[in-house]
């Protein structure tokens, strides 16, 4: 399986993940849904951590061997969990209160912020075609503000839109950090995902504890099958993503836009399942976003 195929499978699963997340959050407390879903993911990797610690060589498939980490290694993967955990806290809150067909496109602009970060902090200079992509994405994003108004969402005043923008910025930072961990430090896929899943539980536990002690009486939680399904789907999504990224020839500048095409899956699903409005207008803008993202990666 090539890294491009792995990235495409990850994108498909990411779209399904977004739909499950929206369903799980419907009328449910964000901290509880978020924490239980990450615990589910950690439980899937826990046997591999224990088995690898006891006798790594006895694991039949080398792919699932989880390496022991140095103190620095634990700090590095805990840092990844912190970045992602904060991103999810903002994203889950936004998804609960925004239509998927609005939240998804905002999230899909992550490659744009990656470009901006590269220009500001890494001295990169995009070419003319890439700048056209930037302008196209910004134009589509601006057009979404008008569609949002038709649904009672004012982008400049709605805090949930702001939350999704913050989540997207953190997500773009995480993508750059993933490349560093997999391609520069050269951690294995299983090592990154297993320890990241473990530390994610640690990072999000205070958020969950705050809900239990302060909000659980008013912000109710009801267990549904979609809550653990969110965690399972996320593990599969990240698995194919890290497999793609582990290929020496893989480019994060290509993988990131491919994964963002998941917005098509979540958009169509949101229209069919949640009956969200303004289908044709949003579809045109989403196709514009995808074109803009493709232009960002023009070489």
Protein backbone atom coordinates (compact mmCIF):
# COMPACT_ATOMS: atom_id res chain seq x y z
CA UNK A 1 0.00 0.00 0.00
CA UNK A 2 1.46 3.35 -1.07
CA UNK A 3 1.51 6.41 1.20
CA UNK A 4 -0.99 8.13 -1.11
CA UNK A 5 -3.48 5.26 -0.71
CA UNK A 6 -2.99 5.28 3.07
CA UNK A 7 -3.62 9.04 3.13
CA UNK A 8 -6.84 8.60 1.10
CA UNK A 9 -8.13 5.88 3.45
CA UNK A 10 -7.31 8.14 6.39
CA UNK A 11 -9.30 10.96 4.75
CA UNK A 12 -12.33 8.71 4.25
CA UNK A 13 -12.23 7.56 7.88
CA UNK A 14 -11.72 11.15 9.04
CA UNK A 15 -14.97 12.14 7.35
CA UNK A 16 -16.79 9.29 9.10
CA UNK A 17 -15.14 10.36 12.38
CA UNK A 18 -16.53 13.91 11.98
CA UNK A 19 -20.06 12.56 11.49
CA UNK A 20 -19.80 10.21 14.49
CA UNK A 21 -18.44 13.08 16.58
CA UNK A 22 -21.40 15.30 15.68
CA UNK A 23 -23.84 12.50 16.53
CA UNK A 24 -22.10 11.68 19.83
CA UNK A 25 -22.18 15.34 20.90
CA UNK A 26 -25.87 15.84 20.16
CA UNK A 27 -27.32 16.80 23.53
CA UNK A 28 -24.23 15.45 25.31
CA UNK A 29 -21.53 16.98 27.52
CA UNK A 30 -18.36 17.70 25.54
CA UNK A 31 -15.85 16.72 28.31
CA UNK A 32 -17.49 13.33 28.86
CA UNK A 33 -17.73 12.45 25.17
CA UNK A 34 -14.15 13.57 24.53
CA UNK A 35 -12.68 11.73 27.51
CA UNK A 36 -14.52 8.43 26.98
CA UNK A 37 -13.61 8.40 23.29
CA UNK A 38 -9.88 8.88 24.00
CA UNK A 39 -10.00 6.26 26.76
CA UNK A 40 -11.45 3.85 24.19
CA UNK A 41 -8.54 4.59 21.87
CA UNK A 42 -5.99 4.15 24.65
CA UNK A 43 -7.51 0.80 25.65
CA UNK A 44 -7.00 -0.46 22.10
CA UNK A 45 -3.26 0.28 22.34
CA UNK A 46 -2.73 -0.65 26.02
CA UNK A 47 -2.20 -4.41 25.35
CA UNK A 48 0.55 -3.59 22.83
CA UNK A 49 2.32 -1.29 25.33
CA UNK A 50 2.25 -3.97 28.04
CA UNK A 51 3.18 -6.83 25.67
CA UNK A 52 6.07 -4.82 24.18
CA UNK A 53 7.32 -3.98 27.67
CA UNK A 54 7.28 -7.64 28.75
CA UNK A 55 8.59 -9.32 25.60
CA UNK A 56 8.62 -7.17 22.45
CA UNK A 57 10.20 -9.83 20.22
CA UNK A 58 7.32 -12.25 20.82
CA UNK A 59 4.83 -9.95 19.07
CA UNK A 60 4.16 -11.66 15.70
CA UNK A 61 3.70 -8.45 13.71
CA UNK A 62 6.68 -6.11 14.06
CA UNK A 63 4.46 -3.19 13.03
CA UNK A 64 2.67 -3.30 16.42
CA UNK A 65 5.82 -3.32 18.55
CA UNK A 66 5.89 -0.30 20.86
CA UNK A 67 9.42 0.84 21.64
CA UNK A 68 10.52 1.95 25.09
CA UNK A 69 11.11 5.67 25.31
CA UNK A 70 13.74 7.79 26.99
CA UNK A 71 12.64 10.60 29.30
CA UNK A 72 12.96 13.00 26.37
CA UNK A 73 10.83 10.69 24.24
CA UNK A 74 8.03 10.71 26.80
CA UNK A 75 8.17 14.51 26.94
CA UNK A 76 8.01 14.74 23.14
CA UNK A 77 4.94 12.52 22.86
CA UNK A 78 3.30 14.14 25.87
CA UNK A 79 3.77 17.47 24.09
CA UNK A 80 1.99 16.09 21.02
CA UNK A 81 -0.88 14.95 23.26
CA UNK A 82 -1.06 18.42 24.82
CA UNK A 83 -1.29 20.15 21.43
CA UNK A 84 -3.93 17.72 20.14
CA UNK A 85 -5.85 17.71 23.43
CA UNK A 86 -6.20 21.49 23.42
CA UNK A 87 -7.18 21.40 19.75
CA UNK A 88 -9.92 18.87 20.46
CA UNK A 89 -11.32 20.76 23.43
CA UNK A 90 -11.92 23.75 21.17
CA UNK A 91 -13.02 21.64 18.19
CA UNK A 92 -15.53 19.48 20.10
CA UNK A 93 -17.14 22.56 21.62
CA UNK A 94 -17.43 24.14 18.17
CA UNK A 95 -18.79 21.00 16.50
CA UNK A 96 -21.49 20.66 19.15
CA UNK A 97 -22.82 24.15 18.43
CA UNK A 98 -22.11 24.55 14.69
CA UNK A 99 -23.47 22.66 11.67
CA UNK A 100 -20.95 20.10 10.36
CA UNK A 101 -21.19 21.79 6.95
CA UNK A 102 -19.84 25.00 8.56
CA UNK A 103 -17.36 23.52 11.06
CA UNK A 104 -15.87 21.09 8.52
CA UNK A 105 -14.82 23.70 5.95
CA UNK A 106 -13.22 25.86 8.66
CA UNK A 107 -11.20 22.83 9.77
CA UNK A 108 -10.29 22.12 6.14
CA UNK A 109 -8.35 25.40 5.93
CA UNK A 110 -5.55 23.89 8.08
CA UNK A 111 -3.06 23.72 5.14
CA UNK A 112 -3.52 27.48 4.69
CA UNK A 113 -2.36 28.11 8.26
CA UNK A 114 0.54 25.70 7.72
CA UNK A 115 1.66 27.87 4.80
CA UNK A 116 1.37 31.02 6.93
CA UNK A 117 3.41 29.41 9.73
CA UNK A 118 6.08 28.37 7.24
CA UNK A 119 6.27 31.94 5.88
CA UNK A 120 6.37 33.59 9.32
CA UNK A 121 8.63 31.23 11.23
CA UNK A 122 10.55 29.14 8.68
CA UNK A 123 11.40 31.71 6.02
CA UNK A 124 9.55 29.90 3.22
CA UNK A 125 8.30 31.90 0.22
CA UNK A 126 5.27 30.47 -1.62
CA UNK A 127 5.14 30.82 -5.41
CA UNK A 128 2.55 32.72 -7.43
CA UNK A 129 0.26 29.69 -7.87
CA UNK A 130 0.34 29.01 -4.12
CA UNK A 131 -0.63 32.61 -3.40
CA UNK A 132 -3.59 32.17 -5.78
CA UNK A 133 -4.55 29.14 -3.67
CA UNK A 134 -4.30 31.25 -0.51
CA UNK A 135 -6.56 33.94 -2.01
CA UNK A 136 -9.07 31.31 -3.20
CA UNK A 137 -9.27 29.67 0.24
CA UNK A 138 -9.67 33.01 1.99
CA UNK A 139 -12.38 34.01 -0.52
CA UNK A 140 -14.32 30.77 0.07
CA UNK A 141 -13.90 31.15 3.81
CA UNK A 142 -15.25 34.72 3.59
CA UNK A 143 -18.18 33.52 1.45
CA UNK A 144 -19.03 30.98 4.16
CA UNK A 145 -19.66 33.90 6.50
CA UNK A 146 -22.61 34.96 4.32
CA UNK A 147 -24.03 31.42 4.24
CA UNK A 148 -23.56 31.24 7.99
CA UNK A 149 -25.71 34.35 8.42
CA UNK A 150 -28.57 32.58 6.63
CA UNK A 151 -28.39 29.96 9.40
CA UNK A 152 -28.08 32.56 12.18
CA UNK A 153 -24.30 32.20 12.54
CA UNK A 154 -22.32 35.47 12.50
CA UNK A 155 -18.66 34.53 12.06
CA UNK A 156 -17.22 37.69 13.63
CA UNK A 157 -19.40 37.41 16.75
CA UNK A 158 -19.86 33.67 17.17
CA UNK A 159 -17.40 32.30 19.74
CA UNK A 160 -17.77 28.74 18.38
CA UNK A 161 -16.40 29.87 15.04
CA UNK A 162 -13.45 31.35 16.96
CA UNK A 163 -13.03 28.06 18.82
CA UNK A 164 -12.87 26.15 15.52
CA UNK A 165 -10.27 28.57 14.14
CA UNK A 166 -8.11 28.05 17.26
CA UNK A 167 -8.56 24.27 16.92
CA UNK A 168 -7.49 24.48 13.28
CA UNK A 169 -4.36 26.48 14.11
CA UNK A 170 -3.38 23.93 16.75
CA UNK A 171 -4.12 21.13 14.27
CA UNK A 172 -1.79 22.69 11.70
CA UNK A 173 0.93 22.90 14.36
CA UNK A 174 0.36 19.24 15.23
CA UNK A 175 0.77 18.20 11.57
CA UNK A 176 4.21 19.83 11.39
CA UNK A 177 5.17 18.20 14.70
CA UNK A 178 4.00 14.78 13.42
CA UNK A 179 6.42 15.03 10.51
CA UNK A 180 9.23 15.86 12.94
CA UNK A 181 8.45 12.88 15.18
CA UNK A 182 8.01 10.32 12.38
CA UNK A 183 10.57 11.45 9.79
CA UNK A 184 13.22 13.29 11.82
CA UNK A 185 13.26 11.57 15.22
CA UNK A 186 12.14 8.37 13.43
CA UNK A 187 9.77 6.94 16.00
CA UNK A 188 7.75 3.98 14.74
CA UNK A 189 4.05 4.38 13.97
CA UNK A 190 3.02 2.10 16.85
CA UNK A 191 5.26 3.93 19.32
CA UNK A 192 3.87 7.35 18.44
CA UNK A 193 0.24 6.32 18.37
CA UNK A 194 0.31 4.11 21.46
CA UNK A 195 2.07 6.58 23.76
CA UNK A 196 0.21 9.54 22.28
CA UNK A 197 -3.10 7.77 23.05
CA UNK A 198 -1.96 7.15 26.63
CA UNK A 199 -0.84 10.74 27.25
CA UNK A 200 -4.01 12.08 25.65
CA UNK A 201 -5.99 10.47 28.49
CA UNK A 202 -3.68 12.15 31.00
CA UNK A 203 -4.02 15.55 29.30
CA UNK A 204 -7.83 15.41 29.09
CA UNK A 205 -8.49 13.95 32.54
CA UNK A 206 -8.50 17.39 34.32
CA UNK A 207 -11.06 18.63 31.75
CA UNK A 208 -13.23 15.58 32.46
CA UNK A 209 -12.78 15.96 36.24
CA UNK A 210 -13.84 19.61 36.01
CA UNK A 211 -17.04 18.50 34.29
CA UNK A 212 -17.74 15.80 36.90
CA UNK A 213 -17.32 18.19 39.84
CA UNK A 214 -18.76 21.40 38.36
CA UNK A 215 -21.01 20.75 35.38
CA UNK A 216 -22.33 17.18 35.36
CA UNK A 217 -25.65 18.09 37.04
CA UNK A 218 -26.56 20.67 34.42
CA UNK A 219 -24.56 19.48 31.41
CA UNK A 220 -25.86 15.94 31.08
CA UNK A 221 -24.18 12.92 29.50
CA UNK A 222 -25.92 9.93 27.92
CA UNK A 223 -23.87 6.96 26.74
CA UNK A 224 -24.51 5.95 23.12
CA UNK A 225 -22.67 3.59 20.77
CA UNK A 226 -21.29 6.57 18.85
CA UNK A 227 -19.14 7.72 21.81
CA UNK A 228 -16.71 4.74 21.81
CA UNK A 229 -17.09 4.54 18.01
CA UNK A 230 -15.51 8.01 17.82
CA UNK A 231 -12.43 6.69 19.63
CA UNK A 232 -12.19 3.53 17.51
CA UNK A 233 -12.55 5.45 14.24
CA UNK A 234 -9.93 7.96 15.35
CA UNK A 235 -7.42 5.20 16.06
CA UNK A 236 -7.96 3.76 12.57
CA UNK A 237 -7.78 7.22 10.97
CA UNK A 238 -4.51 8.06 12.71
CA UNK A 239 -3.09 4.60 11.99
CA UNK A 240 -3.37 5.08 8.22
CA UNK A 241 -2.17 8.69 8.58
CA UNK A 242 0.99 7.70 10.46
CA UNK A 243 1.62 4.80 8.04
CA UNK A 244 1.50 7.30 5.17
CA UNK A 245 3.76 9.71 7.01
CA UNK A 246 6.31 6.99 7.85
CA UNK A 247 7.14 6.52 4.15
CA UNK A 248 10.44 8.36 3.49
CA UNK A 249 9.00 9.74 0.24
CA UNK A 250 5.81 11.04 1.88
CA UNK A 251 5.22 14.80 1.88
CA UNK A 252 3.20 16.38 4.70
CA UNK A 253 2.29 19.16 2.25
CA UNK A 254 0.46 16.53 0.16
CA UNK A 255 -0.87 14.34 2.96
CA UNK A 256 -2.45 17.25 4.84
CA UNK A 257 -4.60 18.43 1.89
CA UNK A 258 -5.63 14.86 1.08
CA UNK A 259 -6.84 14.38 4.65
CA UNK A 260 -8.72 17.69 4.50
CA UNK A 261 -10.72 16.31 1.56
CA UNK A 262 -12.59 14.43 4.30
CA UNK A 263 -14.79 17.54 4.38
CA UNK A 264 -16.61 16.12 1.33
CA UNK A 265 -17.55 12.95 3.25
CA UNK A 266 -18.67 14.86 6.33
CA UNK A 267 -20.52 17.43 4.22
CA UNK A 268 -22.51 14.85 2.24
CA UNK A 269 -23.20 12.89 5.42
CA UNK A 270 -24.33 16.01 7.27
CA UNK A 271 -26.74 16.82 4.45
CA UNK A 272 -28.19 13.31 4.31
CA UNK A 273 -28.22 12.48 8.03
CA UNK A 274 -28.62 15.82 9.79
CA UNK A 275 -30.58 17.50 6.94
CA UNK A 276 -28.39 20.61 7.02
CA UNK A 277 -29.43 23.44 4.71
CA UNK A 278 -27.84 25.42 1.84
CA UNK A 279 -26.47 22.28 0.14
CA UNK A 280 -25.71 23.71 -3.30
CA UNK A 281 -24.08 26.92 -2.09
CA UNK A 282 -21.91 25.10 0.44
CA UNK A 283 -20.92 22.46 -2.11
CA UNK A 284 -19.60 25.10 -4.52
CA UNK A 285 -17.52 26.70 -1.76
CA UNK A 286 -16.20 23.35 -0.54
CA UNK A 287 -15.05 22.49 -4.07
CA UNK A 288 -13.39 25.93 -4.14
CA UNK A 289 -11.62 25.14 -0.86
CA UNK A 290 -10.33 21.83 -2.21
CA UNK A 291 -9.08 23.53 -5.39
CA UNK A 292 -7.35 26.18 -3.28
CA UNK A 293 -5.72 23.50 -1.10
CA UNK A 294 -4.51 21.71 -4.25
CA UNK A 295 -2.95 24.97 -5.51
CA UNK A 296 -1.10 25.37 -2.19
CA UNK A 297 0.82 22.22 -3.09
CA UNK A 298 1.62 23.18 -6.67
CA UNK A 299 5.31 22.59 -7.28
